[in-house]
Amino acid sequence: MKYIRKALIAILSLSLGSSLIAEESIAEKVKINGEPLDRSLNGGVVSYAESLAMARPAVVNISSTRVLNTSSQMPNDPFWRFFGDGQMPRQREIEGQGSGVVVSKDGYILTNNHVVENASEVVVNFQDGRVMDAKVVGTDPQTDLAVLKVESDEELQHAILADSEKIEVGDVVFAIGNPLGVGQTVTMGIVSAKGRDDLNMIQGGFENFIQTDASINQGNSGGALVDARGRLIGINTLILTDGRSSGNIGIGFAIPTSLAHSVMVSLVEEGSVSRGFLGVGIQDLDRDLVEVMGLADSKGALVNSVVPDSPADEAGLKVGDILVKVLGQEVQSASDLRLKIAAEAPGSSVELTVAREKKYFKTDVVLGKRPSNGQAFIGGSDNRELLEGIEAESLNDELKERFRISNEVESGIVITSVSPDSPYARQLVPGMVIEKIKDEPVYTVRDAKKLLEPGTKVALFVYVEGFYRYMALEVE
């Protein structure tokens, strides 16, 4: 009744031209329950039915319809001849199935982006038999998350979010979803690992998975991973297989609520997710680097390039610096640093702890806004013509995916087009990354053209077909 009264007052206020009562924000509607698990009952529980009774009604089945545009001719295919003219129909509807989790009483639902991506229609099926059309509020492919909204006259039973930062390896967990379309299913396992950030399953994205051996199969995507109290700790997303089958072998992954909650708030309140941008190329510290650099351990992220005029450049960061802390939190790896920086809002001031020549210092950096396409530079449009008949672009996530460039390559320019009659066609090939010219790092085509003086022969340091090498190029 309290919420009904609030709604009535809000409606009345609007009708009177007043805004005395503000609408409750999504962050207030969906809060994280930070109470820790009671781990003292190890081995003493005989049933989890009561805990799961809280979570199960909040897990829904999601059906999505995508329209596939096609125009290919298939005159010899007897199936397509059925349509009369031997031409594949220009549009076909493809249906997909997945799961989702209701996280607020007024109908906000968390699921995976790949469950509803490019969907023209989304339908939500509840466990009590109700069926509702859903609106896609927003999607974030870089974390594979999506937020849906359904409208209901009644308050919906919803999941309680736990603080996923407090889970421990060995905690009992349950995966709830609709695997293989058989209907809602609950499977049990444990937290096998946490903080999995180096799987490279989301190209150019941000990974920070909970690993579990609770059985997850096709159709579980977007479903709930809950703790022993029935609280949501993750959104089930993907599995790792042995290559011989597509079924579960006990290695599944879920997006933790700490990440899902922040993405959801941004999508609902802003319509997109803005991420912080530092402007450095980074790599992990392996055993050999730890030895030659005289370090105590391999924690931290080693800076191997600094983007000119970026926040990192303005803060005085240099190649060879090791970033060991962000806002007082230890940096475990290059991927961990990337996650920590992306989690901060553009324009925010972030304190970095830096190791340089075996000495430590702190510096504040005002973060920029990470480009949505993952570009590693800041600035206006980049002229693509590098040389006669050669086009290139600054390295970004889309180009990495298109040309299958290793994630180890952090910066440079990518050859995107080579004309057959170009005088450089025998040396430069599409997908080649030029990292340095005359031992100078290059980040944009503009940078590169300054170093490619006509009538000179220059040394290029390039990445091509999985290998780094130097090559000489005579500039005409």
Protein backbone atom coordinates (compact mmCIF):
# COMPACT_ATOMS: atom_id res chain seq x y z
CA MET A 1 0.00 0.00 0.00
CA LYS A 2 2.90 2.32 0.75
CA TYR A 3 4.07 2.14 -2.87
CA ILE A 4 0.52 2.53 -4.21
CA ARG A 5 0.14 5.72 -2.17
CA LYS A 6 3.46 7.01 -3.52
CA ALA A 7 2.35 6.32 -7.07
CA LEU A 8 -1.00 8.09 -6.52
CA ILE A 9 0.72 11.12 -5.01
CA ALA A 10 3.18 11.23 -7.91
CA ILE A 11 0.36 11.10 -10.44
CA LEU A 12 -1.54 13.80 -8.56
CA SER A 13 1.54 15.99 -8.42
CA LEU A 14 2.07 15.68 -12.16
CA SER A 15 -1.56 16.51 -12.86
CA LEU A 16 -1.20 19.66 -10.75
CA GLY A 17 1.97 20.68 -12.58
CA SER A 18 4.14 19.95 -9.52
CA SER A 19 7.12 17.60 -9.02
CA LEU A 20 7.23 17.44 -5.23
CA ILE A 21 7.90 13.69 -5.16
CA ALA A 22 10.68 12.30 -7.34
CA GLU A 23 10.34 8.89 -8.93
CA GLU A 24 12.41 6.19 -7.25
CA SER A 25 15.63 5.56 -9.18
CA ILE A 26 16.64 2.12 -10.45
CA ALA A 27 19.51 2.09 -7.95
CA GLU A 28 16.97 2.50 -5.12
CA LYS A 29 14.63 -0.10 -6.60
CA VAL A 30 17.35 -2.72 -7.02
CA LYS A 31 19.75 -2.84 -4.11
CA ILE A 32 22.50 -5.27 -3.20
CA ASN A 33 22.11 -7.23 0.04
CA GLY A 34 25.53 -7.23 1.66
CA GLU A 35 24.83 -9.69 4.48
CA PRO A 36 27.46 -12.46 4.51
CA LEU A 37 26.64 -16.15 4.28
CA ASP A 38 26.63 -18.19 7.49
CA ARG A 39 29.34 -20.70 6.65
CA SER A 40 29.24 -22.33 10.11
CA LEU A 41 26.66 -24.92 8.97
CA ASN A 42 29.10 -26.64 6.60
CA GLY A 43 27.66 -30.10 5.90
CA GLY A 44 24.61 -29.60 8.11
CA VAL A 45 21.99 -28.67 5.49
CA VAL A 46 19.64 -31.37 4.15
CA SER A 47 17.53 -29.22 1.82
CA TYR A 48 17.65 -25.89 0.03
CA ALA A 49 14.00 -25.94 -1.00
CA GLU A 50 13.06 -22.98 1.20
CA SER A 51 15.89 -20.79 -0.14
CA LEU A 52 15.15 -21.71 -3.74
CA ALA A 53 11.45 -20.98 -3.27
CA MET A 54 12.44 -17.32 -3.01
CA ALA A 55 14.49 -17.32 -6.21
CA ARG A 56 12.66 -19.63 -8.61
CA PRO A 57 9.62 -17.42 -9.35
CA ALA A 58 11.97 -14.58 -10.33
CA VAL A 59 13.58 -16.63 -13.11
CA VAL A 60 11.70 -16.38 -16.42
CA ASN A 61 11.89 -17.89 -19.88
CA ILE A 62 12.60 -15.46 -22.71
CA SER A 63 11.57 -15.99 -26.32
CA SER A 64 13.00 -13.61 -28.91
CA THR A 65 12.26 -13.19 -32.60
CA ARG A 66 14.88 -11.91 -34.99
CA VAL A 67 14.30 -10.92 -38.60
CA LEU A 68 17.10 -12.19 -40.85
CA ASN A 69 17.50 -10.27 -44.09
CA THR A 70 18.62 -12.48 -46.99
CA SER A 71 18.77 -12.13 -50.74
CA SER A 72 20.93 -15.01 -51.93
CA GLN A 73 19.83 -17.06 -54.91
CA MET A 74 19.37 -20.78 -54.27
CA PRO A 75 17.87 -22.09 -57.53
CA ASN A 76 19.00 -25.68 -56.98
CA ASP A 77 17.70 -26.02 -53.45
CA PRO A 78 14.39 -27.93 -53.51
CA PHE A 79 13.24 -26.36 -50.24
CA TRP A 80 13.52 -22.81 -51.50
CA ARG A 81 11.84 -23.77 -54.78
CA PHE A 82 8.74 -24.31 -52.66
CA PHE A 83 8.38 -20.52 -52.55
CA GLY A 84 7.87 -20.39 -56.30
CA ASP A 85 10.69 -18.40 -57.87
CA GLY A 86 13.82 -20.13 -56.63
CA GLN A 87 14.87 -17.10 -54.60
CA MET A 88 15.52 -17.12 -50.91
CA PRO A 89 12.91 -14.93 -49.14
CA ARG A 90 14.20 -11.48 -48.36
CA GLN A 91 13.29 -11.86 -44.70
CA ARG A 92 13.07 -14.84 -42.39
CA GLU A 93 12.10 -14.93 -38.74
CA ILE A 94 14.38 -16.83 -36.38
CA GLU A 95 13.29 -17.63 -32.83
CA GLY A 96 15.63 -17.92 -29.88
CA GLN A 97 15.23 -19.12 -26.31
CA GLY A 98 16.94 -18.05 -23.12
CA SER A 99 16.36 -17.10 -19.52
CA GLY A 100 16.18 -13.93 -17.46
CA VAL A 101 15.89 -12.74 -13.86
CA VAL A 102 13.30 -10.28 -12.55
CA VAL A 103 15.20 -7.91 -10.26
CA SER A 104 12.53 -5.36 -9.31
CA LYS A 105 8.87 -5.51 -8.35
CA ASP A 106 7.95 -3.16 -11.21
CA GLY A 107 9.33 -5.45 -13.90
CA TYR A 108 13.00 -4.82 -14.68
CA ILE A 109 14.69 -8.01 -15.93
CA LEU A 110 18.38 -8.83 -16.35
CA THR A 111 19.46 -11.19 -19.13
CA ASN A 112 22.26 -11.66 -21.67
CA ASN A 113 22.68 -9.40 -24.66
CA HIS A 114 23.04 -12.43 -26.93
CA VAL A 115 19.58 -13.65 -25.86
CA VAL A 116 17.82 -10.54 -27.23
CA GLU A 117 20.36 -9.05 -29.64
CA ASN A 118 18.68 -7.57 -32.75
CA ALA A 119 15.33 -8.95 -31.62
CA SER A 120 12.18 -7.49 -33.16
CA GLU A 121 9.98 -9.06 -30.48
CA VAL A 122 10.69 -10.29 -26.94
CA VAL A 123 8.21 -12.33 -24.91
CA VAL A 124 8.64 -13.26 -21.24
CA ASN A 125 7.07 -16.42 -19.81
CA PHE A 126 6.65 -16.52 -16.02
CA GLN A 127 6.56 -19.70 -13.93
CA ASP A 128 2.92 -19.10 -12.95
CA GLY A 129 1.90 -19.22 -16.62
CA ARG A 130 1.68 -15.49 -17.32
CA VAL A 131 3.06 -14.29 -20.65
CA MET A 132 4.10 -10.66 -21.20
CA ASP A 133 5.66 -8.65 -23.99
CA ALA A 134 8.94 -7.07 -22.96
CA LYS A 135 10.68 -3.88 -24.03
CA VAL A 136 14.46 -3.89 -24.45
CA VAL A 137 15.56 -0.98 -22.24
CA GLY A 138 19.21 -1.24 -23.19
CA THR A 139 22.03 -3.61 -24.11
CA ASP A 140 25.75 -3.69 -23.43
CA PRO A 141 27.56 -6.10 -25.79
CA GLN A 142 30.87 -5.43 -24.04
CA THR A 143 29.62 -7.28 -20.95
CA ASP A 144 26.94 -9.36 -22.74
CA LEU A 145 24.20 -7.87 -20.56
CA ALA A 146 20.75 -6.56 -21.41
CA VAL A 147 17.92 -4.98 -19.41
CA LEU A 148 14.26 -5.68 -20.25
CA LYS A 149 11.06 -4.16 -18.84
CA VAL A 150 7.60 -5.67 -18.56
CA GLU A 151 4.47 -3.83 -17.45
CA SER A 152 2.27 -5.47 -14.83
CA ASP A 153 -0.68 -4.33 -12.74
CA GLU A 154 0.69 -6.37 -9.83
CA GLU A 155 4.00 -6.29 -8.04
CA LEU A 156 6.27 -9.02 -9.37
CA GLN A 157 8.24 -11.44 -7.25
CA HIS A 158 11.87 -10.57 -7.80
CA ALA A 159 15.34 -11.79 -6.91
CA ILE A 160 17.34 -10.36 -4.02
CA LEU A 161 20.84 -9.40 -5.14
CA ALA A 162 23.78 -10.51 -2.99
CA ASP A 163 27.18 -8.83 -3.00
CA SER A 164 29.16 -11.03 -5.38
CA GLU A 165 32.40 -9.55 -4.04
CA LYS A 166 31.83 -11.52 -0.83
CA ILE A 167 31.51 -14.99 -2.34
CA GLU A 168 34.25 -17.54 -1.72
CA VAL A 169 35.54 -20.47 -3.73
CA GLY A 170 33.72 -23.51 -2.36
CA ASP A 171 30.42 -21.74 -1.64
CA VAL A 172 27.38 -23.77 -2.71
CA VAL A 173 25.53 -22.25 -5.68
CA PHE A 174 22.53 -23.10 -7.85
CA ALA A 175 21.95 -22.38 -11.54
CA ILE A 176 18.30 -21.73 -12.44
CA GLY A 177 17.11 -21.48 -16.02
CA ASN A 178 15.45 -23.19 -18.96
CA PRO A 179 18.11 -25.53 -20.42
CA LEU A 180 17.35 -27.00 -23.85
CA GLY A 181 13.73 -25.84 -23.53
CA VAL A 182 12.76 -28.54 -21.00
CA GLY A 183 11.35 -26.03 -18.52
CA GLN A 184 12.70 -24.42 -15.37
CA THR A 185 15.54 -26.49 -13.97
CA VAL A 186 17.75 -26.10 -10.89
CA THR A 187 21.27 -27.53 -10.81
CA MET A 188 23.72 -27.47 -7.91
CA GLY A 189 27.45 -26.91 -7.68
CA ILE A 190 30.03 -24.70 -6.04
CA VAL A 191 31.94 -21.55 -6.87
CA SER A 192 34.93 -23.06 -8.68
CA ALA A 193 36.80 -19.77 -9.17
CA LYS A 194 36.12 -16.06 -9.28
CA GLY A 195 37.54 -13.10 -11.16
CA ARG A 196 38.03 -15.00 -14.43
CA ASP A 197 39.02 -12.09 -16.67
CA ASP A 198 41.23 -13.65 -19.33
CA LEU A 199 38.93 -15.96 -21.31
CA ASN A 200 38.69 -13.66 -24.37
CA MET A 201 35.16 -14.92 -25.00
CA ILE A 202 33.68 -11.44 -25.38
CA GLN A 203 35.76 -9.88 -28.15
CA GLY A 204 36.94 -6.47 -26.99
CA GLY A 205 34.69 -6.73 -23.95
CA PHE A 206 35.02 -6.75 -20.20
CA GLU A 207 35.15 -10.12 -18.47
CA ASN A 208 35.01 -10.79 -14.74
CA PHE A 209 33.30 -14.15 -14.47
CA ILE A 210 32.32 -16.41 -11.60
CA GLN A 211 33.22 -19.98 -12.57
CA THR A 212 30.97 -22.80 -11.39
CA ASP A 213 30.49 -26.52 -11.94
CA ALA A 214 26.70 -26.20 -11.56
CA SER A 215 25.37 -27.60 -14.83
CA ILE A 216 24.65 -24.84 -17.38
CA ASN A 217 23.43 -25.67 -20.89
CA GLN A 218 21.94 -23.97 -23.93
CA GLY A 219 18.87 -22.04 -22.79
CA ASN A 220 20.39 -21.23 -19.39
CA SER A 221 21.85 -18.01 -20.82
CA GLY A 222 20.57 -15.05 -18.84
CA GLY A 223 19.37 -17.21 -15.96
CA ALA A 224 20.25 -16.97 -12.28
CA LEU A 225 23.22 -18.17 -10.29
CA VAL A 226 22.12 -17.98 -6.65
CA ASP A 227 23.77 -18.64 -3.30
CA ALA A 228 22.62 -20.96 -0.51
CA ARG A 229 20.19 -18.28 0.72
CA GLY A 230 18.59 -17.98 -2.70
CA ARG A 231 20.13 -14.58 -3.44
CA LEU A 232 21.30 -13.68 -6.94
CA ILE A 233 25.10 -13.61 -7.29
CA GLY A 234 25.42 -13.85 -11.06
CA ILE A 235 23.81 -14.02 -14.52
CA ASN A 236 24.67 -17.32 -16.24
CA THR A 237 26.32 -16.59 -19.57
CA LEU A 238 28.48 -19.26 -21.19
CA ILE A 239 30.18 -22.62 -20.84
CA LEU A 240 33.54 -24.03 -21.88
CA THR A 241 33.45 -27.35 -23.74
CA ASP A 242 36.08 -29.87 -24.77
CA GLY A 243 35.43 -29.27 -28.47
CA ARG A 244 33.79 -32.65 -29.00
CA SER A 245 30.37 -31.68 -27.71
CA SER A 246 28.32 -28.60 -27.00
CA GLY A 247 27.11 -29.88 -23.63
CA ASN A 248 28.19 -29.06 -20.10
CA ILE A 249 31.45 -30.51 -18.79
CA GLY A 250 31.39 -28.67 -15.47
CA ILE A 251 32.97 -25.37 -16.52
CA GLY A 252 30.36 -22.63 -16.61
CA PHE A 253 30.59 -18.87 -16.17
CA ALA A 254 28.32 -16.16 -14.78
CA ILE A 255 28.54 -12.36 -14.76
CA PRO A 256 28.73 -11.25 -11.08
CA THR A 257 26.00 -9.03 -9.66
CA SER A 258 28.54 -6.33 -8.80
CA LEU A 259 29.13 -5.80 -12.52
CA ALA A 260 25.57 -6.53 -13.67
CA HIS A 261 24.08 -4.04 -11.21
CA SER A 262 26.29 -1.15 -12.30
CA VAL A 263 25.66 -1.86 -15.99
CA MET A 264 21.91 -2.05 -15.38
CA VAL A 265 21.82 1.29 -13.55
CA SER A 266 23.70 2.96 -16.41
CA LEU A 267 21.45 1.45 -19.08
CA VAL A 268 18.24 2.45 -17.28
CA GLU A 269 19.31 5.94 -16.25
CA GLU A 270 21.51 6.95 -19.20
CA GLY A 271 20.62 4.56 -22.02
CA SER A 272 24.22 3.44 -22.44
CA VAL A 273 27.31 2.54 -20.43
CA SER A 274 30.09 5.13 -20.22
CA ARG A 275 33.48 3.78 -19.22
CA GLY A 276 36.66 5.44 -18.10
CA PHE A 277 39.62 5.73 -20.47
CA LEU A 278 43.26 5.96 -19.37
CA GLY A 279 45.13 5.77 -22.67
CA VAL A 280 47.86 3.20 -22.14
CA GLY A 281 48.88 -0.04 -23.78
CA ILE A 282 49.46 -2.67 -21.09
CA GLN A 283 50.66 -6.22 -20.70
CA ASP A 284 51.05 -8.82 -17.98
CA LEU A 285 54.29 -9.39 -16.14
CA ASP A 286 55.53 -12.92 -16.86
CA ARG A 287 58.17 -14.82 -14.91
CA ASP A 288 61.05 -13.67 -17.12
CA LEU A 289 60.06 -10.00 -16.82
CA VAL A 290 59.74 -10.33 -13.05
CA GLU A 291 63.28 -11.74 -12.96
CA VAL A 292 65.00 -9.22 -15.25
CA MET A 293 63.18 -6.25 -13.69
CA GLY A 294 63.97 -7.39 -10.15
CA LEU A 295 60.34 -7.45 -9.02
CA ALA A 296 58.88 -9.26 -6.03
CA ASP A 297 55.94 -10.78 -7.92
CA SER A 298 53.97 -10.60 -11.15
CA LYS A 299 51.14 -8.41 -9.86
CA GLY A 300 50.42 -5.19 -11.72
CA ALA A 301 50.18 -4.06 -15.34
CA LEU A 302 53.24 -3.07 -17.35
CA VAL A 303 52.83 0.00 -19.57
CA ASN A 304 54.16 -0.66 -23.08
CA SER A 305 52.73 2.43 -24.79
CA VAL A 306 51.15 5.76 -23.89
CA VAL A 307 48.63 7.41 -26.21
CA PRO A 308 49.66 11.02 -26.94
CA ASP A 309 47.47 13.69 -25.29
CA SER A 310 45.58 11.00 -23.35
CA PRO A 311 44.83 11.19 -19.60
CA ALA A 312 47.83 8.91 -19.00
CA ASP A 313 50.10 11.18 -21.02
CA GLU A 314 48.88 14.27 -19.20
CA ALA A 315 49.49 12.53 -15.85
CA GLY A 316 53.09 11.80 -16.82
CA LEU A 317 52.90 8.03 -17.17
CA LYS A 318 55.75 6.50 -19.18
CA VAL A 319 56.53 3.30 -21.02
CA GLY A 320 58.03 0.89 -18.48
CA ASP A 321 55.86 2.07 -15.59
CA ILE A 322 54.07 -0.63 -13.62
CA LEU A 323 50.58 0.26 -12.39
CA VAL A 324 50.15 -1.55 -9.08
CA LYS A 325 47.06 0.03 -7.51
CA VAL A 326 43.89 1.88 -8.57
CA LEU A 327 42.11 3.82 -5.81
CA GLY A 328 44.07 1.80 -3.27
CA GLN A 329 43.03 -1.58 -4.73
CA GLU A 330 45.78 -3.92 -5.93
CA VAL A 331 46.03 -4.52 -9.67
CA GLN A 332 46.36 -8.26 -10.25
CA SER A 333 46.94 -8.22 -14.02
CA ALA A 334 46.54 -6.19 -17.20
CA SER A 335 42.94 -7.42 -17.53
CA ASP A 336 42.24 -6.43 -13.95
CA LEU A 337 43.51 -2.89 -14.58
CA ARG A 338 41.34 -2.64 -17.69
CA LEU A 339 38.28 -3.62 -15.65
CA LYS A 340 39.07 -1.23 -12.82
CA ILE A 341 39.54 1.74 -15.15
CA ALA A 342 36.43 0.91 -17.20
CA ALA A 343 34.36 0.73 -14.00
CA GLU A 344 35.07 4.40 -13.23
CA ALA A 345 33.04 7.20 -14.78
CA PRO A 346 34.61 9.47 -17.41
CA GLY A 347 35.72 12.71 -15.81
CA SER A 348 36.39 11.11 -12.43
CA SER A 349 39.74 11.52 -10.72
CA VAL A 350 41.49 8.23 -10.03
CA GLU A 351 44.53 7.76 -7.81
CA LEU A 352 47.13 5.42 -9.32
CA THR A 353 50.05 3.86 -7.50
CA VAL A 354 52.94 3.51 -9.92
CA ALA A 355 56.25 1.64 -9.73
CA ARG A 356 59.05 3.25 -11.72
CA GLU A 357 62.66 2.15 -11.49
CA LYS A 358 61.93 0.27 -8.23
CA LYS A 359 60.42 3.36 -6.60
CA TYR A 360 56.73 3.93 -5.87
CA PHE A 361 54.71 7.10 -6.23
CA LYS A 362 51.06 8.12 -6.46
CA THR A 363 49.46 10.28 -9.11
CA ASP A 364 45.91 11.42 -9.83
CA VAL A 365 44.49 10.93 -13.31
CA VAL A 366 41.28 12.48 -14.66
CA LEU A 367 39.85 9.76 -16.88
CA GLY A 368 38.53 10.38 -20.36
CA LYS A 369 35.62 8.60 -22.01
CA ARG A 370 36.40 5.25 -23.55
CA PRO A 371 35.35 5.28 -27.23
CA SER A 372 32.47 2.88 -27.81
CA ASN A 373 34.35 1.13 -30.61
CA GLY A 374 37.38 0.50 -28.42
CA GLN A 375 39.70 2.82 -30.35
CA ALA A 376 43.04 3.34 -28.68
CA PHE A 377 43.32 7.03 -29.46
CA ILE A 378 41.50 10.25 -28.72
CA GLY A 379 40.75 12.87 -31.29
CA GLY A 380 38.81 13.66 -34.42
CA SER A 381 38.38 11.67 -37.59
CA ASP A 382 41.47 9.93 -38.92
CA ASN A 383 42.42 10.16 -42.60
CA ARG A 384 42.54 6.55 -43.79
CA GLU A 385 44.92 6.97 -46.75
CA LEU A 386 48.36 5.99 -45.51
CA LEU A 387 50.20 5.62 -48.82
CA GLU A 388 49.24 5.34 -52.48
CA GLY A 389 46.68 2.54 -52.69
CA ILE A 390 46.97 1.78 -48.96
CA GLU A 391 44.30 2.56 -46.36
CA ALA A 392 44.70 2.10 -42.61
CA GLU A 393 42.92 2.82 -39.35
CA SER A 394 43.91 3.07 -35.71
CA LEU A 395 43.72 -0.30 -33.94
CA ASN A 396 40.35 -0.96 -32.33
CA ASP A 397 38.31 -3.93 -31.14
CA GLU A 398 36.30 -4.22 -34.35
CA LEU A 399 39.48 -4.47 -36.42
CA LYS A 400 40.94 -6.99 -34.01
CA GLU A 401 37.92 -9.19 -34.53
CA ARG A 402 37.78 -8.69 -38.31
CA PHE A 403 41.43 -9.54 -38.89
CA ARG A 404 41.85 -11.98 -35.96
CA ILE A 405 44.54 -9.85 -34.33
CA SER A 406 45.80 -11.12 -30.99
CA ASN A 407 44.68 -9.26 -27.87
CA GLU A 408 48.38 -8.96 -27.00
CA VAL A 409 48.60 -6.25 -29.67
CA GLU A 410 47.59 -3.09 -27.83
CA SER A 411 48.31 -0.23 -30.24
CA GLY A 412 49.29 0.72 -33.76
CA ILE A 413 47.56 1.21 -37.10
CA VAL A 414 45.95 -1.60 -39.10
CA ILE A 415 46.21 -1.93 -42.88
CA THR A 416 42.55 -2.26 -43.91
CA SER A 417 42.72 -2.01 -47.71
CA VAL A 418 45.41 -2.63 -50.33
CA SER A 419 44.82 -1.76 -53.98
CA PRO A 420 46.26 -4.39 -56.39
CA ASP A 421 48.09 -1.67 -58.34
CA SER A 422 49.61 -0.03 -55.25
CA PRO A 423 53.43 0.12 -55.37
CA TYR A 424 53.37 -1.29 -51.82
CA ALA A 425 51.01 -4.21 -52.52
CA ARG A 426 53.79 -6.81 -52.28
CA GLN A 427 54.86 -5.71 -48.80
CA LEU A 428 51.79 -4.37 -47.02
CA VAL A 429 48.78 -6.66 -46.57
CA PRO A 430 45.33 -6.24 -44.98
CA GLY A 431 45.40 -7.06 -41.29
CA MET A 432 49.02 -6.05 -40.80
CA VAL A 433 49.53 -3.88 -37.73
CA ILE A 434 52.24 -1.23 -37.90
CA GLU A 435 53.31 -0.52 -34.32
CA LYS A 436 56.47 1.53 -34.94
CA ILE A 437 58.07 3.51 -37.74
CA LYS A 438 61.74 4.43 -37.25
CA ASP A 439 61.29 2.99 -33.73
CA GLU A 440 58.65 5.65 -33.02
CA PRO A 441 55.26 4.29 -31.79
CA VAL A 442 52.37 5.22 -34.08
CA TYR A 443 48.73 5.42 -32.98
CA THR A 444 47.00 7.16 -35.91
CA VAL A 445 47.43 7.38 -39.66
CA ARG A 446 48.37 11.02 -39.10
CA ASP A 447 51.24 9.93 -36.83
CA ALA A 448 52.46 7.45 -39.42
CA LYS A 449 52.35 9.83 -42.39
CA LYS A 450 54.65 12.27 -40.58
CA LEU A 451 57.31 9.55 -40.49
CA LEU A 452 56.83 8.30 -44.06
CA GLU A 453 58.75 10.94 -45.99
CA PRO A 454 58.83 10.44 -49.78
CA GLY A 455 62.21 9.33 -51.11
CA THR A 456 63.29 7.69 -47.86
CA LYS A 457 63.63 4.09 -46.73
CA VAL A 458 62.22 3.42 -43.26
CA ALA A 459 62.14 0.52 -40.82
CA LEU A 460 58.69 -0.70 -39.76
CA PHE A 461 57.99 -2.85 -36.72
CA VAL A 462 54.88 -4.82 -37.60
CA TYR A 463 52.60 -7.60 -36.41
CA VAL A 464 51.44 -9.87 -39.21
CA GLU A 465 49.99 -13.41 -39.29
CA GLY A 466 50.65 -13.94 -35.60
CA PHE A 467 54.28 -12.76 -35.52
CA TYR A 468 56.23 -9.57 -34.87
CA ARG A 469 59.01 -8.58 -37.26
CA TYR A 470 60.94 -5.64 -38.67
CA MET A 471 60.75 -4.78 -42.35
CA ALA A 472 62.18 -2.07 -44.60
CA LEU A 473 59.87 0.04 -46.73
CA GLU A 474 60.97 2.40 -49.49
CA VAL A 475 58.58 5.37 -49.58
CA GLU A 476 57.93 6.74 -53.09
